[in-house]
């Protein structure tokens, strides 16, 4: 089998400002949105862990066949951090990583505070 040169994938890390704090406190809504995003981009969920904190913030990790999506919210600061990484086993998934992050920015109606891309 002839394979193209391998690049492990794009890892995108963003910190976002969100005015609507209710979106930073509803882990259930985030899981619903993420399941829709996974279906939209044909990504396969392996598992998910959700933890809600006493201050109504949450942290969630989606383990994907392709890698992961993780979030942590700070409603008291109107912020969240988002971590999206998709591997490039047989295809370049960089466009999917950027599109997934863009979909979250739209969902949260967020402003970007920090935006890092790491080509692994």
Protein backbone atom coordinates (compact mmCIF):
# COMPACT_ATOMS: atom_id res chain seq x y z
CA UNK A 1 0.00 0.00 0.00
CA UNK A 2 1.43 3.38 -1.02
CA UNK A 3 0.64 5.99 1.60
CA UNK A 4 1.21 9.74 1.32
CA UNK A 5 3.76 11.37 3.67
CA UNK A 6 2.34 11.27 7.19
CA UNK A 7 1.48 14.30 9.31
CA UNK A 8 -0.16 13.25 12.60
CA UNK A 9 -2.83 15.98 12.52
CA UNK A 10 -3.93 19.45 13.54
CA UNK A 11 -4.44 20.32 17.20
CA UNK A 12 -6.41 23.51 17.82
CA UNK A 13 -6.58 25.17 21.24
CA UNK A 14 -8.81 28.19 21.79
CA UNK A 15 -9.89 30.38 24.68
CA UNK A 16 -13.21 32.07 24.07
CA UNK A 17 -15.21 34.88 25.67
CA UNK A 18 -18.93 34.13 25.93
CA UNK A 19 -21.53 36.71 27.01
CA UNK A 20 -24.37 34.20 27.47
CA UNK A 21 -23.24 32.46 30.66
CA UNK A 22 -26.11 29.97 30.45
CA UNK A 23 -24.18 28.33 27.61
CA UNK A 24 -21.21 27.99 29.96
CA UNK A 25 -23.29 26.20 32.59
CA UNK A 26 -25.29 23.70 30.51
CA UNK A 27 -23.20 20.60 30.03
CA UNK A 28 -26.29 18.84 28.63
CA UNK A 29 -26.61 21.38 25.81
CA UNK A 30 -22.90 21.10 25.03
CA UNK A 31 -23.16 17.31 24.76
CA UNK A 32 -26.16 17.67 22.43
CA UNK A 33 -24.34 20.19 20.23
CA UNK A 34 -21.22 18.03 20.16
CA UNK A 35 -23.18 14.93 19.15
CA UNK A 36 -24.61 16.95 16.24
CA UNK A 37 -21.12 18.14 15.26
CA UNK A 38 -19.79 14.59 15.38
CA UNK A 39 -22.56 13.44 13.06
CA UNK A 40 -22.08 16.43 10.72
CA UNK A 41 -18.38 15.65 10.23
CA UNK A 42 -18.67 11.84 10.40
CA UNK A 43 -16.57 11.58 13.56
CA UNK A 44 -16.89 8.53 15.78
CA UNK A 45 -17.35 8.86 19.55
CA UNK A 46 -15.57 6.22 21.63
CA UNK A 47 -16.57 7.64 25.01
CA UNK A 48 -17.48 10.78 26.90
CA UNK A 49 -16.86 11.98 30.46
CA UNK A 50 -18.87 14.87 31.90
CA UNK A 51 -18.21 16.61 35.20
CA UNK A 52 -20.37 19.46 36.52
CA UNK A 53 -18.83 21.62 39.23
CA UNK A 54 -20.58 23.24 42.22
CA UNK A 55 -20.38 26.69 40.56
CA UNK A 56 -22.23 25.28 37.50
CA UNK A 57 -19.13 25.21 35.30
CA UNK A 58 -18.31 21.96 33.56
CA UNK A 59 -15.53 19.98 32.00
CA UNK A 60 -16.18 17.43 29.27
CA UNK A 61 -13.93 15.11 27.31
CA UNK A 62 -15.06 13.34 24.18
CA UNK A 63 -12.73 10.52 23.21
CA UNK A 64 -13.01 10.00 19.46
CA UNK A 65 -11.78 7.28 17.18
CA UNK A 66 -9.98 10.16 15.44
CA UNK A 67 -8.69 11.65 18.77
CA UNK A 68 -10.55 14.08 21.09
CA UNK A 69 -12.61 17.19 21.89
CA UNK A 70 -12.31 18.70 25.38
CA UNK A 71 -13.85 21.76 27.01
CA UNK A 72 -13.68 23.52 30.36
CA UNK A 73 -15.90 26.47 31.22
CA UNK A 74 -15.50 29.40 33.63
CA UNK A 75 -18.88 31.17 33.74
CA UNK A 76 -17.63 33.53 36.45
CA UNK A 77 -15.12 34.88 33.88
CA UNK A 78 -17.34 34.42 30.78
CA UNK A 79 -14.70 32.11 29.33
CA UNK A 80 -14.07 28.61 28.10
CA UNK A 81 -11.12 26.66 26.79
CA UNK A 82 -11.61 24.23 23.93
CA UNK A 83 -9.20 21.59 22.67
CA UNK A 84 -9.85 19.83 19.34
CA UNK A 85 -7.45 17.32 17.81
CA UNK A 86 -8.10 14.98 14.90
CA UNK A 87 -5.55 12.54 13.58
CA UNK A 88 -4.66 12.31 9.89
CA UNK A 89 -4.33 8.55 9.52
CA UNK A 90 -5.45 8.19 5.89
CA UNK A 91 -6.63 11.73 5.13
CA UNK A 92 -5.83 15.31 6.13
CA UNK A 93 -8.45 16.30 8.72
CA UNK A 94 -7.18 19.87 9.23
CA UNK A 95 -10.26 21.36 7.55
CA UNK A 96 -12.51 19.37 9.90
CA UNK A 97 -10.66 20.63 12.98
CA UNK A 98 -11.07 24.25 11.87
CA UNK A 99 -14.72 23.68 10.95
CA UNK A 100 -15.52 21.99 14.27
CA UNK A 101 -13.99 24.90 16.20
CA UNK A 102 -15.87 27.40 14.00
CA UNK A 103 -19.14 25.57 14.76
CA UNK A 104 -18.46 25.87 18.50
CA UNK A 105 -17.65 29.58 18.16
CA UNK A 106 -20.99 30.02 16.39
CA UNK A 107 -22.85 27.98 19.04
CA UNK A 108 -21.37 29.99 21.91
CA UNK A 109 -21.62 33.29 19.98
CA UNK A 110 -18.08 33.71 21.21
CA UNK A 111 -15.20 36.07 20.71
CA UNK A 112 -11.73 34.56 20.36
CA UNK A 113 -9.30 35.47 23.15
CA UNK A 114 -6.54 33.01 22.18
CA UNK A 115 -6.23 30.76 19.14
CA UNK A 116 -3.39 28.28 18.70
CA UNK A 117 -2.85 25.73 15.97
CA UNK A 118 -0.27 23.00 16.39
CA UNK A 119 0.62 20.84 13.41
CA UNK A 120 1.71 17.59 14.97
